N, C-alpha and C. Protein backbone atom coordinates (compact mmCIF):
# COMPACT_ATOMS: atom_id res chain seq x y z
N MET A 1 15.33 38.74 49.70
CA MET A 1 15.97 37.50 50.10
C MET A 1 17.39 37.50 49.53
N ASP A 2 18.33 37.27 50.39
CA ASP A 2 19.73 37.20 49.99
C ASP A 2 20.04 35.76 49.59
N MET A 3 20.21 35.54 48.30
CA MET A 3 20.44 34.19 47.79
C MET A 3 21.74 33.57 48.31
N ARG A 4 22.77 34.39 48.54
CA ARG A 4 24.02 33.83 49.06
C ARG A 4 23.79 33.23 50.44
N LYS A 5 23.03 33.94 51.27
CA LYS A 5 22.75 33.42 52.62
C LYS A 5 21.85 32.19 52.56
N LEU A 6 20.86 32.23 51.68
CA LEU A 6 19.95 31.09 51.53
C LEU A 6 20.71 29.84 51.11
N VAL A 7 21.54 29.96 50.07
CA VAL A 7 22.32 28.81 49.61
C VAL A 7 23.24 28.33 50.73
N GLY A 8 23.85 29.24 51.44
CA GLY A 8 24.73 28.86 52.54
C GLY A 8 24.02 28.11 53.65
N ARG A 9 22.84 28.61 54.02
CA ARG A 9 22.05 27.92 55.07
C ARG A 9 21.65 26.53 54.59
N ASN A 10 21.12 26.45 53.38
CA ASN A 10 20.68 25.17 52.85
C ASN A 10 21.84 24.19 52.73
N PHE A 11 22.95 24.68 52.20
CA PHE A 11 24.12 23.80 52.05
C PHE A 11 24.59 23.28 53.40
N GLY A 12 24.74 24.17 54.38
CA GLY A 12 25.21 23.76 55.70
C GLY A 12 24.29 22.75 56.35
N LYS A 13 22.99 22.99 56.25
CA LYS A 13 22.01 22.07 56.83
C LYS A 13 22.11 20.69 56.16
N LEU A 14 22.15 20.68 54.85
CA LEU A 14 22.21 19.41 54.12
C LEU A 14 23.54 18.69 54.34
N ARG A 15 24.62 19.43 54.41
CA ARG A 15 25.93 18.83 54.67
C ARG A 15 25.92 18.12 56.02
N ARG A 16 25.39 18.81 57.04
CA ARG A 16 25.33 18.20 58.38
C ARG A 16 24.39 16.99 58.39
N GLU A 17 23.25 17.08 57.68
CA GLU A 17 22.33 15.94 57.61
C GLU A 17 22.99 14.72 56.98
N LYS A 18 23.89 14.95 56.04
CA LYS A 18 24.61 13.85 55.39
C LYS A 18 25.77 13.34 56.24
N GLY A 19 26.03 14.01 57.36
CA GLY A 19 27.05 13.55 58.30
C GLY A 19 28.46 13.99 57.98
N PHE A 20 28.62 15.02 57.15
CA PHE A 20 29.95 15.51 56.79
C PHE A 20 30.35 16.71 57.62
N THR A 21 31.59 16.73 58.06
CA THR A 21 32.17 17.96 58.58
C THR A 21 32.59 18.78 57.36
N GLN A 22 32.92 20.03 57.57
CA GLN A 22 33.41 20.84 56.46
C GLN A 22 34.67 20.22 55.87
N GLU A 23 35.54 19.74 56.73
CA GLU A 23 36.79 19.14 56.27
C GLU A 23 36.54 17.88 55.45
N GLN A 24 35.63 17.03 55.91
CA GLN A 24 35.31 15.81 55.18
C GLN A 24 34.70 16.14 53.82
N PHE A 25 33.81 17.12 53.80
CA PHE A 25 33.20 17.51 52.53
C PHE A 25 34.27 18.03 51.58
N ALA A 26 35.19 18.83 52.10
CA ALA A 26 36.26 19.37 51.26
C ALA A 26 37.07 18.23 50.64
N GLU A 27 37.36 17.21 51.42
CA GLU A 27 38.14 16.08 50.91
C GLU A 27 37.45 15.35 49.76
N ILE A 28 36.15 15.11 49.90
CA ILE A 28 35.45 14.33 48.87
C ILE A 28 35.06 15.17 47.66
N SER A 29 34.96 16.48 47.84
CA SER A 29 34.41 17.32 46.77
C SER A 29 35.46 18.05 45.94
N GLY A 30 36.61 18.28 46.54
CA GLY A 30 37.62 19.07 45.85
C GLY A 30 37.55 20.56 46.15
N PHE A 31 36.51 20.98 46.86
CA PHE A 31 36.43 22.37 47.32
C PHE A 31 37.29 22.49 48.57
N THR A 32 37.79 23.68 48.85
CA THR A 32 38.57 23.85 50.07
C THR A 32 37.65 24.01 51.27
N GLN A 33 38.18 23.73 52.44
CA GLN A 33 37.40 23.93 53.66
C GLN A 33 37.07 25.40 53.82
N GLN A 34 37.97 26.28 53.42
CA GLN A 34 37.72 27.72 53.51
C GLN A 34 36.56 28.12 52.60
N TYR A 35 36.49 27.56 51.40
CA TYR A 35 35.39 27.86 50.49
C TYR A 35 34.07 27.41 51.11
N VAL A 36 34.05 26.20 51.67
CA VAL A 36 32.84 25.66 52.29
C VAL A 36 32.41 26.57 53.44
N SER A 37 33.34 26.99 54.26
CA SER A 37 33.05 27.88 55.38
C SER A 37 32.47 29.21 54.89
N ASP A 38 33.13 29.80 53.91
CA ASP A 38 32.64 31.07 53.35
C ASP A 38 31.26 30.91 52.72
N LEU A 39 31.05 29.80 52.04
CA LEU A 39 29.75 29.53 51.43
C LEU A 39 28.66 29.50 52.49
N GLU A 40 28.91 28.77 53.56
CA GLU A 40 27.90 28.62 54.61
C GLU A 40 27.62 29.92 55.34
N ARG A 41 28.58 30.84 55.33
CA ARG A 41 28.37 32.14 55.97
C ARG A 41 27.80 33.18 55.00
N GLY A 42 27.48 32.75 53.78
CA GLY A 42 26.90 33.67 52.80
C GLY A 42 27.90 34.63 52.19
N ARG A 43 29.17 34.28 52.24
CA ARG A 43 30.21 35.16 51.70
C ARG A 43 30.64 34.78 50.30
N ARG A 44 30.08 33.72 49.78
CA ARG A 44 30.40 33.27 48.42
C ARG A 44 29.16 33.38 47.56
N ASN A 45 29.37 33.64 46.29
CA ASN A 45 28.30 33.72 45.32
C ASN A 45 28.56 32.65 44.27
N PRO A 46 28.15 31.40 44.56
CA PRO A 46 28.50 30.30 43.68
C PRO A 46 27.83 30.40 42.31
N THR A 47 28.55 29.98 41.28
CA THR A 47 27.97 29.94 39.95
C THR A 47 26.99 28.77 39.86
N VAL A 48 26.24 28.74 38.79
CA VAL A 48 25.31 27.63 38.57
C VAL A 48 26.09 26.31 38.47
N VAL A 49 27.22 26.34 37.82
CA VAL A 49 28.04 25.14 37.69
C VAL A 49 28.51 24.67 39.07
N THR A 50 28.93 25.62 39.90
CA THR A 50 29.36 25.26 41.26
C THR A 50 28.22 24.66 42.05
N LEU A 51 27.00 25.20 41.92
CA LEU A 51 25.84 24.62 42.61
C LEU A 51 25.65 23.16 42.22
N PHE A 52 25.81 22.86 40.94
CA PHE A 52 25.68 21.48 40.48
C PHE A 52 26.76 20.59 41.09
N HIS A 53 27.99 21.07 41.15
CA HIS A 53 29.09 20.28 41.74
C HIS A 53 28.88 20.06 43.24
N LEU A 54 28.45 21.11 43.94
CA LEU A 54 28.18 20.97 45.38
C LEU A 54 27.08 19.95 45.62
N ALA A 55 26.00 20.08 44.86
CA ALA A 55 24.87 19.17 45.02
C ALA A 55 25.27 17.73 44.69
N ASP A 56 26.02 17.56 43.62
CA ASP A 56 26.46 16.22 43.22
C ASP A 56 27.30 15.58 44.31
N ALA A 57 28.20 16.35 44.91
CA ALA A 57 29.06 15.81 45.97
C ALA A 57 28.24 15.41 47.20
N LEU A 58 27.11 16.09 47.43
CA LEU A 58 26.25 15.73 48.56
C LEU A 58 25.23 14.65 48.20
N GLY A 59 25.07 14.39 46.90
CA GLY A 59 24.08 13.40 46.47
C GLY A 59 22.67 13.94 46.54
N ILE A 60 22.52 15.24 46.26
CA ILE A 60 21.21 15.90 46.29
C ILE A 60 20.98 16.62 44.97
N SER A 61 19.80 17.19 44.82
CA SER A 61 19.50 18.00 43.65
C SER A 61 19.99 19.42 43.88
N HIS A 62 20.45 20.06 42.82
CA HIS A 62 20.87 21.47 42.92
C HIS A 62 19.71 22.35 43.39
N ILE A 63 18.50 21.94 43.13
CA ILE A 63 17.32 22.71 43.53
C ILE A 63 17.22 22.77 45.06
N ASP A 64 17.69 21.74 45.73
CA ASP A 64 17.67 21.74 47.21
C ASP A 64 18.49 22.89 47.78
N LEU A 65 19.49 23.35 47.04
CA LEU A 65 20.35 24.43 47.54
C LEU A 65 19.70 25.81 47.41
N VAL A 66 18.75 25.95 46.50
CA VAL A 66 18.12 27.27 46.30
C VAL A 66 16.67 27.31 46.76
N GLN A 67 16.19 26.20 47.30
CA GLN A 67 14.81 26.12 47.79
C GLN A 67 14.63 27.04 48.99
N PRO A 68 13.66 27.97 48.96
CA PRO A 68 13.45 28.86 50.12
C PRO A 68 13.16 28.07 51.39
N ASP A 69 13.78 28.48 52.48
CA ASP A 69 13.53 27.88 53.79
C ASP A 69 12.61 28.81 54.58
N ASP A 70 12.33 28.47 55.84
CA ASP A 70 11.42 29.28 56.66
C ASP A 70 11.94 30.70 56.83
N GLU A 71 13.24 30.85 57.01
CA GLU A 71 13.82 32.18 57.19
C GLU A 71 13.64 33.02 55.93
N ALA A 72 13.84 32.42 54.78
CA ALA A 72 13.68 33.14 53.51
C ALA A 72 12.22 33.52 53.29
N ARG A 73 11.32 32.63 53.66
CA ARG A 73 9.89 32.95 53.51
C ARG A 73 9.52 34.13 54.40
N GLY A 74 10.11 34.19 55.59
CA GLY A 74 9.87 35.31 56.50
C GLY A 74 10.43 36.61 55.95
N GLU A 75 11.58 36.53 55.28
CA GLU A 75 12.18 37.71 54.67
C GLU A 75 11.29 38.26 53.57
N ARG A 76 10.65 37.38 52.81
CA ARG A 76 9.78 37.83 51.72
C ARG A 76 8.52 38.50 52.26
N ALA A 77 8.09 38.09 53.45
CA ALA A 77 6.87 38.66 54.02
C ALA A 77 7.06 40.07 54.51
N LYS A 78 8.31 40.45 54.81
CA LYS A 78 8.60 41.80 55.28
C LYS A 78 8.57 42.77 54.11
N PRO A 79 8.06 43.97 54.34
CA PRO A 79 8.10 44.95 53.25
C PRO A 79 9.54 45.33 52.94
N ALA A 80 9.82 45.53 51.67
CA ALA A 80 11.17 45.90 51.23
C ALA A 80 11.50 47.30 51.70
N LYS A 81 12.77 47.50 52.12
CA LYS A 81 13.22 48.81 52.52
C LYS A 81 13.52 49.63 51.28
N ARG A 82 13.05 50.84 51.27
CA ARG A 82 13.31 51.72 50.12
C ARG A 82 14.54 52.55 50.37
N LYS A 83 15.30 52.72 49.31
CA LYS A 83 16.47 53.59 49.38
C LYS A 83 16.04 54.97 48.95
N SER A 84 16.51 55.97 49.68
CA SER A 84 16.15 57.35 49.35
C SER A 84 17.07 57.92 48.32
């Protein structure tokens, strides 16, 4: 399971549920719109402190950002690829 992608999916879903565009979230949170975009695409590896700030700005628990979703559960069910 790629935690960057999981956090990005969860964040994007929760942001949209709260009715924020990326730009609106950037305004209220202090993060840039580019950071939010990169986060949602799994290109950012947020620190624990950043997870708390993101969650606080959305009015959710930081745990909501790392909670496995259906896609992550499916990834865990697949056998891991071995490197030769």
